[in-house]
Amino acid sequence: MKLNKFTKFSVAFLSTITLGTIAWTTAASADETYTVKSGDTLSSIEYNFKHDTNYQQLAKANNIANANVIYVGQQLVIKTNNDSQTTATQSTQQTQTTQSANTQSTQSTNQSSTAYSQQNTQSTVKHQTTNTNTTSSTSTTSGSDASAKAWIANKESSGSYKARNGQYIGKYQLSSSYLNGDYSAANQEKVANSYVSSRYGSWTAAKAFWQANGWY
């Protein structure tokens, strides 16, 4: 009889332990409760349970207005991984949305840059064409004036910078007062151009005057 009682007691005890184990296992798969200890912070508790630092979510789940203030003995509900997975999924979706927006912004910027570059290219080509036309016109004018200038120099001094005729000196037979004592070729060219420009407007006009009067 004693053996039977012991056996019944053992079975009952073991059954209680088994049921308790099953109950604990079931509870483990649901939300957990944690009692705050001295030195705890929401951040450390979050990391210990979920290995992340999303302590604001933990504060929100426990209706904690100030995430920096918790009390020893306070009971905290720790959400299961399902909530973490949901949060992670939402975070991933937000990241994808942000990346998509950034991609669209980059494409828009690239398109604007391309359009601006094309406009600059067209403007540069147009400017180069205008410069070419202007240069062509200037070359024609300069060519005519250069011919007239050479004609006058030949008539005045046979093209010699060293030619002298009294007070008239050099290739263009300029007065020594015009040359101001500097008889170098560079100064003769400079003063001759200035003289003709101010008096006749061009070498072509100066040549026409010379042909009519025998001097310029």
N, C-alpha and C. Protein backbone atom coordinates (compact mmCIF):
# COMPACT_ATOMS: atom_id res chain seq x y z
N MET A 1 0.84 -1.20 0.00
CA MET A 1 0.00 0.00 0.00
C MET A 1 0.88 1.26 0.00
N LYS A 2 1.95 1.25 0.75
CA LYS A 2 2.83 2.43 0.78
C LYS A 2 3.47 2.66 -0.58
N LEU A 3 3.80 1.53 -1.22
CA LEU A 3 4.40 1.65 -2.54
C LEU A 3 3.44 2.27 -3.52
N ASN A 4 2.16 1.84 -3.40
CA ASN A 4 1.14 2.37 -4.31
C ASN A 4 0.93 3.85 -4.09
N LYS A 5 0.90 4.28 -2.83
CA LYS A 5 0.72 5.70 -2.54
C LYS A 5 1.89 6.52 -3.10
N PHE A 6 3.08 5.97 -2.92
CA PHE A 6 4.26 6.68 -3.42
C PHE A 6 4.24 6.80 -4.93
N THR A 7 3.80 5.73 -5.54
CA THR A 7 3.72 5.72 -7.01
C THR A 7 2.72 6.74 -7.49
N LYS A 8 1.51 6.76 -6.84
CA LYS A 8 0.48 7.73 -7.24
C LYS A 8 0.99 9.16 -7.04
N PHE A 9 1.68 9.39 -5.94
CA PHE A 9 2.19 10.72 -5.62
C PHE A 9 3.24 11.15 -6.65
N SER A 10 4.10 10.18 -7.01
CA SER A 10 5.15 10.47 -7.98
C SER A 10 4.56 10.83 -9.33
N VAL A 11 3.54 10.07 -9.75
CA VAL A 11 2.88 10.32 -11.04
C VAL A 11 2.24 11.70 -11.03
N ALA A 12 1.56 12.01 -9.91
CA ALA A 12 0.89 13.31 -9.81
C ALA A 12 1.91 14.44 -9.84
N PHE A 13 3.04 14.26 -9.14
CA PHE A 13 4.08 15.28 -9.09
C PHE A 13 4.71 15.50 -10.45
N LEU A 14 5.00 14.37 -11.12
CA LEU A 14 5.60 14.46 -12.44
C LEU A 14 4.65 15.09 -13.44
N SER A 15 3.37 14.79 -13.29
CA SER A 15 2.37 15.38 -14.18
C SER A 15 2.33 16.88 -13.99
N THR A 16 2.43 17.30 -12.73
CA THR A 16 2.40 18.74 -12.44
C THR A 16 3.61 19.43 -13.06
N ILE A 17 4.78 18.82 -12.92
CA ILE A 17 6.00 19.38 -13.52
C ILE A 17 5.87 19.48 -15.03
N THR A 18 5.33 18.39 -15.64
CA THR A 18 5.16 18.36 -17.10
C THR A 18 4.23 19.46 -17.56
N LEU A 19 3.09 19.60 -16.85
CA LEU A 19 2.13 20.64 -17.22
C LEU A 19 2.75 22.03 -17.06
N GLY A 20 3.53 22.17 -15.98
CA GLY A 20 4.19 23.46 -15.77
C GLY A 20 5.17 23.77 -16.88
N THR A 21 5.88 22.75 -17.35
CA THR A 21 6.83 22.94 -18.45
C THR A 21 6.12 23.35 -19.72
N ILE A 22 4.98 22.66 -19.98
CA ILE A 22 4.18 22.98 -21.18
C ILE A 22 3.67 24.40 -21.09
N ALA A 23 3.20 24.79 -19.91
CA ALA A 23 2.66 26.13 -19.72
C ALA A 23 3.75 27.18 -19.92
N TRP A 24 4.94 26.92 -19.40
CA TRP A 24 6.06 27.87 -19.55
C TRP A 24 6.48 27.99 -21.00
N THR A 25 6.48 26.83 -21.68
CA THR A 25 6.85 26.86 -23.10
C THR A 25 5.87 27.68 -23.90
N THR A 26 4.57 27.51 -23.58
CA THR A 26 3.54 28.26 -24.29
C THR A 26 3.69 29.75 -24.02
N ALA A 27 3.99 30.09 -22.76
CA ALA A 27 4.14 31.50 -22.40
C ALA A 27 5.34 32.10 -23.09
N ALA A 28 6.38 31.27 -23.30
CA ALA A 28 7.60 31.77 -23.89
C ALA A 28 7.38 32.22 -25.32
N SER A 29 6.40 31.57 -25.99
CA SER A 29 6.15 31.92 -27.38
C SER A 29 5.29 33.17 -27.50
N ALA A 30 4.67 33.61 -26.35
CA ALA A 30 3.85 34.81 -26.37
C ALA A 30 4.67 35.97 -25.85
N ASP A 31 4.01 37.16 -25.63
CA ASP A 31 4.71 38.31 -25.07
C ASP A 31 5.29 37.95 -23.71
N GLU A 32 6.49 38.49 -23.41
CA GLU A 32 7.14 38.22 -22.14
C GLU A 32 7.05 39.43 -21.23
N THR A 33 7.14 39.16 -19.93
CA THR A 33 7.12 40.23 -18.94
C THR A 33 8.48 40.29 -18.26
N TYR A 34 8.99 41.50 -18.14
CA TYR A 34 10.32 41.69 -17.53
C TYR A 34 10.20 42.71 -16.40
N THR A 35 10.84 42.40 -15.27
CA THR A 35 10.84 43.30 -14.12
C THR A 35 12.14 44.10 -14.12
N VAL A 36 12.00 45.41 -14.11
CA VAL A 36 13.16 46.30 -14.18
C VAL A 36 14.01 46.16 -12.93
N LYS A 37 15.34 46.04 -13.15
CA LYS A 37 16.29 45.96 -12.05
C LYS A 37 17.14 47.22 -12.02
N SER A 38 17.87 47.40 -10.94
CA SER A 38 18.73 48.56 -10.79
C SER A 38 19.80 48.55 -11.89
N GLY A 39 19.99 49.69 -12.55
CA GLY A 39 20.99 49.80 -13.62
C GLY A 39 20.43 49.53 -15.00
N ASP A 40 19.18 49.07 -15.08
CA ASP A 40 18.57 48.78 -16.38
C ASP A 40 18.23 50.08 -17.11
N THR A 41 18.27 50.01 -18.44
CA THR A 41 17.74 51.06 -19.30
C THR A 41 16.90 50.38 -20.38
N LEU A 42 16.01 51.14 -21.01
CA LEU A 42 15.20 50.55 -22.08
C LEU A 42 16.09 50.04 -23.20
N SER A 43 17.17 50.77 -23.45
CA SER A 43 18.07 50.37 -24.52
C SER A 43 18.74 49.03 -24.22
N SER A 44 19.21 48.85 -22.98
CA SER A 44 19.88 47.61 -22.61
C SER A 44 18.89 46.44 -22.59
N ILE A 45 17.68 46.70 -22.11
CA ILE A 45 16.65 45.64 -22.07
C ILE A 45 16.30 45.22 -23.50
N GLU A 46 16.12 46.18 -24.38
CA GLU A 46 15.79 45.89 -25.78
C GLU A 46 16.89 45.05 -26.42
N TYR A 47 18.15 45.43 -26.13
CA TYR A 47 19.25 44.71 -26.75
C TYR A 47 19.36 43.28 -26.20
N ASN A 48 19.15 43.13 -24.91
CA ASN A 48 19.25 41.79 -24.30
C ASN A 48 18.21 40.84 -24.85
N PHE A 49 17.02 41.36 -25.14
CA PHE A 49 15.95 40.48 -25.62
C PHE A 49 15.95 40.33 -27.14
N LYS A 50 16.22 41.41 -27.86
CA LYS A 50 16.05 41.36 -29.32
C LYS A 50 17.32 41.68 -30.10
N HIS A 51 18.37 42.01 -29.37
CA HIS A 51 19.66 42.32 -30.01
C HIS A 51 19.55 43.47 -31.00
N ASP A 52 18.76 44.48 -30.66
CA ASP A 52 18.72 45.72 -31.44
C ASP A 52 18.58 46.88 -30.46
N THR A 53 18.54 48.09 -30.98
CA THR A 53 18.48 49.27 -30.12
C THR A 53 17.20 50.07 -30.32
N ASN A 54 16.15 49.41 -30.77
CA ASN A 54 14.89 50.10 -31.03
C ASN A 54 14.09 50.23 -29.73
N TYR A 55 14.69 50.91 -28.75
CA TYR A 55 14.05 51.00 -27.44
C TYR A 55 12.82 51.91 -27.46
N GLN A 56 12.70 52.78 -28.47
CA GLN A 56 11.51 53.62 -28.57
C GLN A 56 10.26 52.76 -28.79
N GLN A 57 10.43 51.68 -29.55
CA GLN A 57 9.30 50.76 -29.78
C GLN A 57 8.91 50.09 -28.46
N LEU A 58 9.92 49.77 -27.64
CA LEU A 58 9.66 49.16 -26.34
C LEU A 58 8.92 50.16 -25.44
N ALA A 59 9.34 51.42 -25.48
CA ALA A 59 8.67 52.45 -24.68
C ALA A 59 7.22 52.62 -25.13
N LYS A 60 7.01 52.61 -26.44
CA LYS A 60 5.66 52.78 -26.99
C LYS A 60 4.76 51.62 -26.59
N ALA A 61 5.31 50.40 -26.62
CA ALA A 61 4.52 49.22 -26.27
C ALA A 61 4.09 49.22 -24.81
N ASN A 62 4.85 49.94 -23.96
CA ASN A 62 4.54 49.98 -22.52
C ASN A 62 4.00 51.34 -22.07
N ASN A 63 3.62 52.18 -23.07
CA ASN A 63 3.02 53.49 -22.78
C ASN A 63 3.93 54.34 -21.90
N ILE A 64 5.22 54.32 -22.19
CA ILE A 64 6.20 55.11 -21.44
C ILE A 64 6.43 56.41 -22.21
N ALA A 65 6.05 57.53 -21.60
CA ALA A 65 6.16 58.81 -22.29
C ALA A 65 7.61 59.26 -22.43
N ASN A 66 8.41 59.07 -21.39
CA ASN A 66 9.82 59.46 -21.41
C ASN A 66 10.66 58.20 -21.42
N ALA A 67 11.27 57.91 -22.56
CA ALA A 67 12.02 56.66 -22.70
C ALA A 67 13.27 56.63 -21.83
N ASN A 68 13.64 57.74 -21.24
CA ASN A 68 14.84 57.79 -20.41
C ASN A 68 14.54 57.55 -18.92
N VAL A 69 13.25 57.35 -18.59
CA VAL A 69 12.88 57.20 -17.18
C VAL A 69 12.11 55.90 -16.99
N ILE A 70 12.69 54.94 -16.26
CA ILE A 70 12.00 53.72 -15.83
C ILE A 70 12.35 53.50 -14.36
N TYR A 71 11.59 52.63 -13.69
CA TYR A 71 11.73 52.45 -12.24
C TYR A 71 12.03 51.00 -11.90
N VAL A 72 12.82 50.81 -10.85
CA VAL A 72 13.11 49.46 -10.36
C VAL A 72 11.80 48.81 -9.92
N GLY A 73 11.57 47.59 -10.37
CA GLY A 73 10.35 46.86 -10.04
C GLY A 73 9.25 47.05 -11.07
N GLN A 74 9.44 47.94 -12.01
CA GLN A 74 8.44 48.20 -13.05
C GLN A 74 8.33 46.99 -13.97
N GLN A 75 7.10 46.62 -14.31
CA GLN A 75 6.84 45.47 -15.18
C GLN A 75 6.77 45.95 -16.64
N LEU A 76 7.60 45.36 -17.49
CA LEU A 76 7.61 45.72 -18.91
C LEU A 76 7.17 44.54 -19.75
N VAL A 77 6.34 44.80 -20.74
CA VAL A 77 5.91 43.76 -21.67
C VAL A 77 6.88 43.76 -22.85
N ILE A 78 7.48 42.60 -23.09
CA ILE A 78 8.41 42.44 -24.20
C ILE A 78 7.68 41.76 -25.35
N LYS A 79 7.51 42.43 -26.46
CA LYS A 79 6.79 41.87 -27.60
C LYS A 79 7.58 40.74 -28.23
N THR A 80 6.85 39.81 -28.87
CA THR A 80 7.49 38.66 -29.52
C THR A 80 8.17 39.10 -30.80
N ASN A 81 8.84 38.14 -31.45
CA ASN A 81 9.57 38.44 -32.67
C ASN A 81 8.66 38.83 -33.81
N ASN A 82 7.38 38.44 -33.71
CA ASN A 82 6.45 38.78 -34.79
C ASN A 82 6.37 40.28 -34.98
N ASP A 83 6.33 41.00 -33.81
CA ASP A 83 6.27 42.45 -33.88
C ASP A 83 7.56 43.02 -34.48
N SER A 84 8.70 42.39 -34.10
CA SER A 84 9.98 42.85 -34.62
C SER A 84 10.05 42.65 -36.11
N GLN A 85 9.53 41.49 -36.56
CA GLN A 85 9.54 41.22 -37.99
C GLN A 85 8.67 42.21 -38.73
N THR A 86 7.51 42.54 -38.12
CA THR A 86 6.63 43.51 -38.76
C THR A 86 7.30 44.86 -38.87
N THR A 87 7.97 45.26 -37.74
CA THR A 87 8.67 46.54 -37.75
C THR A 87 9.78 46.54 -38.77
N ALA A 88 10.53 45.43 -38.86
CA ALA A 88 11.62 45.33 -39.82
C ALA A 88 11.10 45.42 -41.25
N THR A 89 9.93 44.76 -41.49
CA THR A 89 9.33 44.80 -42.82
C THR A 89 8.94 46.22 -43.19
N GLN A 90 8.31 46.93 -42.22
CA GLN A 90 7.92 48.31 -42.48
C GLN A 90 9.14 49.18 -42.75
N SER A 91 10.22 48.95 -41.96
CA SER A 91 11.43 49.72 -42.16
C SER A 91 12.02 49.47 -43.54
N THR A 92 12.00 48.19 -43.97
CA THR A 92 12.51 47.85 -45.30
C THR A 92 11.70 48.53 -46.39
N GLN A 93 10.36 48.53 -46.22
CA GLN A 93 9.50 49.17 -47.21
C GLN A 93 9.78 50.67 -47.28
N GLN A 94 9.98 51.30 -46.10
CA GLN A 94 10.30 52.72 -46.09
C GLN A 94 11.63 53.00 -46.79
N THR A 95 12.61 52.10 -46.54
CA THR A 95 13.91 52.26 -47.17
C THR A 95 13.80 52.16 -48.68
N GLN A 96 13.01 51.17 -49.16
CA GLN A 96 12.82 50.99 -50.59
C GLN A 96 12.14 52.21 -51.21
N THR A 97 11.15 52.76 -50.48
CA THR A 97 10.46 53.95 -50.98
C THR A 97 11.42 55.12 -51.09
N THR A 98 12.27 55.29 -50.06
CA THR A 98 13.26 56.37 -50.07
C THR A 98 14.24 56.20 -51.22
N GLN A 99 14.72 54.95 -51.42
CA GLN A 99 15.65 54.69 -52.51
C GLN A 99 15.02 54.98 -53.86
N SER A 100 13.73 54.62 -54.01
CA SER A 100 13.03 54.89 -55.26
C SER A 100 12.92 56.38 -55.51
N ALA A 101 12.59 57.13 -54.45
CA ALA A 101 12.48 58.59 -54.57
C ALA A 101 13.83 59.20 -54.93
N ASN A 102 14.91 58.69 -54.30
CA ASN A 102 16.25 59.21 -54.60
C ASN A 102 16.64 58.91 -56.05
N THR A 103 16.26 57.72 -56.53
CA THR A 103 16.56 57.35 -57.92
C THR A 103 15.86 58.28 -58.89
N GLN A 104 14.56 58.55 -58.61
CA GLN A 104 13.80 59.45 -59.48
C GLN A 104 14.41 60.84 -59.46
N SER A 105 14.83 61.30 -58.26
CA SER A 105 15.43 62.63 -58.15
C SER A 105 16.73 62.70 -58.94
N THR A 106 17.54 61.61 -58.86
CA THR A 106 18.81 61.58 -59.59
C THR A 106 18.58 61.60 -61.09
N GLN A 107 17.57 60.83 -61.55
CA GLN A 107 17.26 60.81 -62.97
C GLN A 107 16.82 62.18 -63.45
N SER A 108 15.99 62.85 -62.64
CA SER A 108 15.52 64.19 -62.99
C SER A 108 16.67 65.16 -63.07
N THR A 109 17.61 65.06 -62.09
CA THR A 109 18.78 65.95 -62.09
C THR A 109 19.65 65.70 -63.31
N ASN A 110 19.85 64.41 -63.65
CA ASN A 110 20.67 64.07 -64.81
C ASN A 110 20.05 64.61 -66.10
N GLN A 111 18.71 64.50 -66.20
CA GLN A 111 18.03 65.00 -67.39
C GLN A 111 18.18 66.51 -67.51
N SER A 112 18.06 67.21 -66.36
CA SER A 112 18.21 68.67 -66.36
C SER A 112 19.63 69.05 -66.77
N SER A 113 20.63 68.30 -66.23
CA SER A 113 22.02 68.57 -66.57
C SER A 113 22.28 68.35 -68.05
N THR A 114 21.68 67.27 -68.61
CA THR A 114 21.85 66.98 -70.03
C THR A 114 21.27 68.09 -70.88
N ALA A 115 20.04 68.53 -70.51
CA ALA A 115 19.39 69.60 -71.26
C ALA A 115 20.22 70.88 -71.20
N TYR A 116 20.74 71.19 -70.00
CA TYR A 116 21.55 72.40 -69.83
C TYR A 116 22.83 72.30 -70.66
N SER A 117 23.43 71.12 -70.67
CA SER A 117 24.66 70.91 -71.45
C SER A 117 24.40 71.09 -72.93
N GLN A 118 23.24 70.56 -73.41
CA GLN A 118 22.91 70.69 -74.82
C GLN A 118 22.70 72.15 -75.19
N GLN A 119 22.03 72.90 -74.29
CA GLN A 119 21.81 74.32 -74.56
C GLN A 119 23.14 75.06 -74.64
N ASN A 120 24.05 74.74 -73.71
CA ASN A 120 25.36 75.39 -73.72
C ASN A 120 26.13 75.06 -74.99
N THR A 121 26.02 73.79 -75.43
CA THR A 121 26.71 73.37 -76.65
C THR A 121 26.18 74.13 -77.86
N GLN A 122 24.84 74.24 -77.94
CA GLN A 122 24.23 74.97 -79.05
C GLN A 122 24.65 76.43 -79.02
N SER A 123 24.66 77.02 -77.80
CA SER A 123 25.06 78.41 -77.67
C SER A 123 26.51 78.61 -78.08
N THR A 124 27.39 77.66 -77.68
CA THR A 124 28.81 77.76 -78.02
C THR A 124 29.02 77.66 -79.53
N VAL A 125 28.30 76.73 -80.19
CA VAL A 125 28.41 76.57 -81.64
C VAL A 125 27.96 77.84 -82.34
N LYS A 126 26.84 78.40 -81.85
CA LYS A 126 26.32 79.62 -82.44
C LYS A 126 27.31 80.76 -82.27
N HIS A 127 27.91 80.84 -81.08
CA HIS A 127 28.89 81.89 -80.80
C HIS A 127 30.12 81.72 -81.69
N GLN A 128 30.56 80.47 -81.87
CA GLN A 128 31.72 80.21 -82.72
C GLN A 128 31.43 80.60 -84.17
N THR A 129 30.19 80.32 -84.63
CA THR A 129 29.80 80.67 -86.00
C THR A 129 29.84 82.19 -86.18
N THR A 130 29.31 82.91 -85.18
CA THR A 130 29.32 84.38 -85.23
C THR A 130 30.73 84.92 -85.27
N ASN A 131 31.61 84.31 -84.41
CA ASN A 131 33.00 84.74 -84.38
C ASN A 131 33.70 84.50 -85.72
N THR A 132 33.35 83.36 -86.34
CA THR A 132 33.95 83.03 -87.63
C THR A 132 33.56 84.05 -88.68
N ASN A 133 32.27 84.41 -88.68
CA ASN A 133 31.80 85.40 -89.64
C ASN A 133 32.46 86.75 -89.42
N THR A 134 32.57 87.12 -88.11
CA THR A 134 33.20 88.39 -87.78
C THR A 134 34.67 88.41 -88.19
N THR A 135 35.34 87.28 -87.88
CA THR A 135 36.76 87.17 -88.23
C THR A 135 36.96 87.26 -89.73
N SER A 136 36.06 86.60 -90.47
CA SER A 136 36.15 86.62 -91.93
C SER A 136 36.02 88.04 -92.44
N SER A 137 35.05 88.78 -91.88
CA SER A 137 34.85 90.16 -92.30
C SER A 137 36.05 91.02 -91.95
N THR A 138 36.59 90.82 -90.72
CA THR A 138 37.74 91.60 -90.28
C THR A 138 38.96 91.31 -91.12
N SER A 139 39.13 90.02 -91.47
CA SER A 139 40.28 89.64 -92.28
C SER A 139 40.24 90.33 -93.64
N THR A 140 39.02 90.42 -94.20
CA THR A 140 38.88 91.06 -95.50
C THR A 140 39.27 92.54 -95.41
N THR A 141 38.73 93.19 -94.36
CA THR A 141 39.03 94.61 -94.16
C THR A 141 40.51 94.82 -93.90
N SER A 142 41.07 93.98 -92.98
CA SER A 142 42.48 94.09 -92.65
C SER A 142 43.34 93.85 -93.87
N GLY A 143 42.94 92.90 -94.70
CA GLY A 143 43.70 92.61 -95.91
C GLY A 143 43.76 93.81 -96.83
N SER A 144 42.62 94.50 -96.98
CA SER A 144 42.57 95.68 -97.83
C SER A 144 43.42 96.80 -97.26
N ASP A 145 43.30 97.02 -95.93
CA ASP A 145 44.09 98.06 -95.28
C ASP A 145 45.58 97.72 -95.30
N ALA A 146 45.90 96.44 -95.13
CA ALA A 146 47.30 96.03 -95.13
C ALA A 146 47.94 96.31 -96.49
N SER A 147 47.17 96.07 -97.54
CA SER A 147 47.69 96.34 -98.88
C SER A 147 47.93 97.83 -99.08
N ALA A 148 46.96 98.65 -98.59
CA ALA A 148 47.11 100.10 -98.72
C ALA A 148 48.28 100.60 -97.88
N LYS A 149 48.46 100.02 -96.69
CA LYS A 149 49.56 100.41 -95.81
C LYS A 149 50.91 100.10 -96.45
N ALA A 150 51.04 98.92 -97.06
CA ALA A 150 52.28 98.53 -97.72
C ALA A 150 52.54 99.43 -98.92
N TRP A 151 51.49 99.82 -99.61
CA TRP A 151 51.62 100.69 -100.79
C TRP A 151 52.19 102.05 -100.38
N ILE A 152 51.64 102.62 -99.28
CA ILE A 152 52.12 103.92 -98.80
C ILE A 152 53.57 103.82 -98.32
N ALA A 153 53.90 102.74 -97.58
CA ALA A 153 55.27 102.57 -97.09
C ALA A 153 56.25 102.50 -98.24
N ASN A 154 55.85 101.82 -99.30
CA ASN A 154 56.73 101.70 -100.46
C ASN A 154 56.93 103.05 -101.13
N LYS A 155 55.85 103.83 -101.20
CA LYS A 155 55.96 105.15 -101.82
C LYS A 155 56.80 106.10 -100.98
N GLU A 156 56.69 106.01 -99.66
CA GLU A 156 57.36 106.93 -98.76
C GLU A 156 58.83 106.60 -98.55
N SER A 157 59.16 105.31 -98.42
CA SER A 157 60.54 104.97 -98.03
C SER A 157 61.06 103.68 -98.64
N SER A 158 60.33 103.15 -99.59
CA SER A 158 60.65 101.83 -100.15
C SER A 158 60.63 100.76 -99.07
N GLY A 159 59.85 101.02 -98.00
CA GLY A 159 59.66 100.04 -96.94
C GLY A 159 60.79 99.96 -95.94
N SER A 160 61.64 101.01 -95.83
CA SER A 160 62.79 100.98 -94.94
C SER A 160 62.50 101.77 -93.65
N TYR A 161 62.72 101.11 -92.52
CA TYR A 161 62.54 101.78 -91.23
C TYR A 161 63.65 102.82 -90.98
N LYS A 162 64.77 102.73 -91.72
CA LYS A 162 65.90 103.61 -91.48
C LYS A 162 65.92 104.82 -92.43
N ALA A 163 64.98 104.91 -93.33
CA ALA A 163 64.95 106.03 -94.29
C ALA A 163 64.73 107.35 -93.55
N ARG A 164 65.43 108.42 -94.02
CA ARG A 164 65.28 109.74 -93.41
C ARG A 164 65.20 110.79 -94.51
N ASN A 165 64.39 111.81 -94.25
CA ASN A 165 64.25 112.92 -95.18
C ASN A 165 63.99 114.18 -94.34
N GLY A 166 65.06 114.75 -93.88
CA GLY A 166 64.94 115.90 -93.00
C GLY A 166 64.33 115.48 -91.67
N GLN A 167 63.19 116.11 -91.34
CA GLN A 167 62.52 115.78 -90.07
C GLN A 167 61.63 114.54 -90.18
N TYR A 168 61.48 113.99 -91.36
CA TYR A 168 60.63 112.81 -91.57
C TYR A 168 61.49 111.55 -91.53
N ILE A 169 61.05 110.65 -90.72
CA ILE A 169 61.89 109.50 -90.39
C ILE A 169 61.14 108.19 -90.60
N GLY A 170 61.88 107.20 -91.07
CA GLY A 170 61.41 105.82 -91.07
C GLY A 170 60.53 105.40 -92.23
N LYS A 171 59.94 104.25 -92.04
CA LYS A 171 59.19 103.56 -93.09
C LYS A 171 58.01 104.38 -93.59
N TYR A 172 57.37 105.11 -92.69
CA TYR A 172 56.17 105.86 -93.08
C TYR A 172 56.43 107.36 -93.13
N GLN A 173 57.74 107.74 -93.01
CA GLN A 173 58.14 109.14 -93.09
C GLN A 173 57.31 109.99 -92.14
N LEU A 174 57.35 109.64 -90.89
CA LEU A 174 56.64 110.35 -89.85
C LEU A 174 57.53 111.44 -89.26
N SER A 175 56.93 112.51 -88.82
CA SER A 175 57.69 113.59 -88.20
C SER A 175 58.32 113.08 -86.91
N SER A 176 59.55 113.57 -86.67
CA SER A 176 60.25 113.14 -85.46
C SER A 176 59.47 113.51 -84.20
N SER A 177 58.67 114.56 -84.27
CA SER A 177 57.85 114.94 -83.11
C SER A 177 56.76 113.90 -82.84
N TYR A 178 56.28 113.24 -83.90
CA TYR A 178 55.29 112.18 -83.73
C TYR A 178 55.92 110.96 -83.05
N LEU A 179 57.15 110.66 -83.45
CA LEU A 179 57.83 109.48 -82.92
C LEU A 179 58.39 109.73 -81.53
N ASN A 180 58.52 110.97 -81.13
CA ASN A 180 58.94 111.34 -79.79
C ASN A 180 60.29 110.73 -79.41
N GLY A 181 61.19 110.70 -80.41
CA GLY A 181 62.55 110.23 -80.16
C GLY A 181 62.72 108.72 -80.21
N ASP A 182 61.64 107.96 -80.32
CA ASP A 182 61.73 106.49 -80.39
C ASP A 182 61.55 106.06 -81.84
N TYR A 183 62.68 105.68 -82.51
CA TYR A 183 62.63 105.36 -83.93
C TYR A 183 62.60 103.85 -84.19
N SER A 184 62.29 103.09 -83.17
CA SER A 184 62.25 101.63 -83.34
C SER A 184 61.12 101.25 -84.29
N ALA A 185 61.28 100.07 -84.91
CA ALA A 185 60.27 99.59 -85.86
C ALA A 185 58.91 99.47 -85.19
N ALA A 186 58.90 98.95 -83.94
CA ALA A 186 57.63 98.76 -83.24
C ALA A 186 56.92 100.09 -83.01
N ASN A 187 57.70 101.12 -82.63
CA ASN A 187 57.09 102.42 -82.37
C ASN A 187 56.64 103.09 -83.67
N GLN A 188 57.40 102.89 -84.76
CA GLN A 188 57.00 103.43 -86.06
C GLN A 188 55.65 102.84 -86.50
N GLU A 189 55.49 101.53 -86.31
CA GLU A 189 54.23 100.88 -86.68
C GLU A 189 53.08 101.40 -85.83
N LYS A 190 53.35 101.51 -84.53
CA LYS A 190 52.31 101.96 -83.60
C LYS A 190 51.86 103.39 -83.89
N VAL A 191 52.83 104.29 -84.08
CA VAL A 191 52.50 105.70 -84.32
C VAL A 191 51.83 105.87 -85.68
N ALA A 192 52.30 105.13 -86.71
CA ALA A 192 51.71 105.23 -88.04
C ALA A 192 50.24 104.81 -88.02
N ASN A 193 49.95 103.70 -87.32
CA ASN A 193 48.55 103.24 -87.23
C ASN A 193 47.68 104.27 -86.51
N SER A 194 48.21 104.85 -85.43
CA SER A 194 47.46 105.84 -84.68
C SER A 194 47.20 107.10 -85.51
N TYR A 195 48.23 107.54 -86.24
CA TYR A 195 48.12 108.74 -87.08
C TYR A 195 47.07 108.56 -88.17
N VAL A 196 47.16 107.44 -88.89
CA VAL A 196 46.24 107.18 -90.00
C VAL A 196 44.81 107.01 -89.49
N SER A 197 44.66 106.30 -88.35
CA SER A 197 43.32 106.07 -87.80
C SER A 197 42.65 107.38 -87.39
N SER A 198 43.43 108.28 -86.77
CA SER A 198 42.84 109.54 -86.30
C SER A 198 42.61 110.53 -87.44
N ARG A 199 43.46 110.47 -88.46
CA ARG A 199 43.36 111.47 -89.55
C ARG A 199 42.46 111.02 -90.70
N TYR A 200 42.57 109.70 -91.06
CA TYR A 200 41.83 109.22 -92.24
C TYR A 200 40.79 108.14 -91.92
N GLY A 201 40.95 107.50 -90.80
CA GLY A 201 40.02 106.43 -90.43
C GLY A 201 40.49 105.06 -90.86
N SER A 202 41.28 104.97 -91.95
CA SER A 202 41.79 103.69 -92.43
C SER A 202 42.95 103.93 -93.38
N TRP A 203 43.75 102.89 -93.58
CA TRP A 203 44.86 102.99 -94.52
C TRP A 203 44.35 103.10 -95.95
N THR A 204 43.22 102.52 -96.21
CA THR A 204 42.64 102.60 -97.56
C THR A 204 42.30 104.05 -97.90
N ALA A 205 41.70 104.73 -96.91
CA ALA A 205 41.36 106.14 -97.13
C ALA A 205 42.62 106.99 -97.25
N ALA A 206 43.66 106.63 -96.45
CA ALA A 206 44.92 107.37 -96.53
C ALA A 206 45.57 107.19 -97.90
N LYS A 207 45.48 105.99 -98.46
CA LYS A 207 46.03 105.73 -99.80
C LYS A 207 45.31 106.57 -100.85
N ALA A 208 44.00 106.64 -100.72
CA ALA A 208 43.22 107.44 -101.68
C ALA A 208 43.64 108.91 -101.62
N PHE A 209 43.87 109.40 -100.40
CA PHE A 209 44.31 110.78 -100.24
C PHE A 209 45.69 110.97 -100.86
N TRP A 210 46.59 110.02 -100.61
CA TRP A 210 47.95 110.10 -101.16
C TRP A 210 47.91 110.15 -102.68
N GLN A 211 47.06 109.27 -103.27
CA GLN A 211 46.95 109.23 -104.73
C GLN A 211 46.43 110.56 -105.29
N ALA A 212 45.60 111.25 -104.53
CA ALA A 212 45.03 112.52 -105.00
C ALA A 212 45.97 113.71 -104.76
N ASN A 213 46.84 113.58 -103.70
CA ASN A 213 47.64 114.73 -103.31
C ASN A 213 49.15 114.50 -103.32
N GLY A 214 49.58 113.27 -103.44
CA GLY A 214 51.01 112.97 -103.48
C GLY A 214 51.62 112.88 -102.08
N TRP A 215 50.85 112.95 -101.06
CA TRP A 215 51.30 112.79 -99.67
C TRP A 215 50.10 112.39 -98.81
N TYR A 216 50.34 112.06 -97.55
CA TYR A 216 49.21 111.69 -96.67
C TYR A 216 49.40 112.27 -95.31
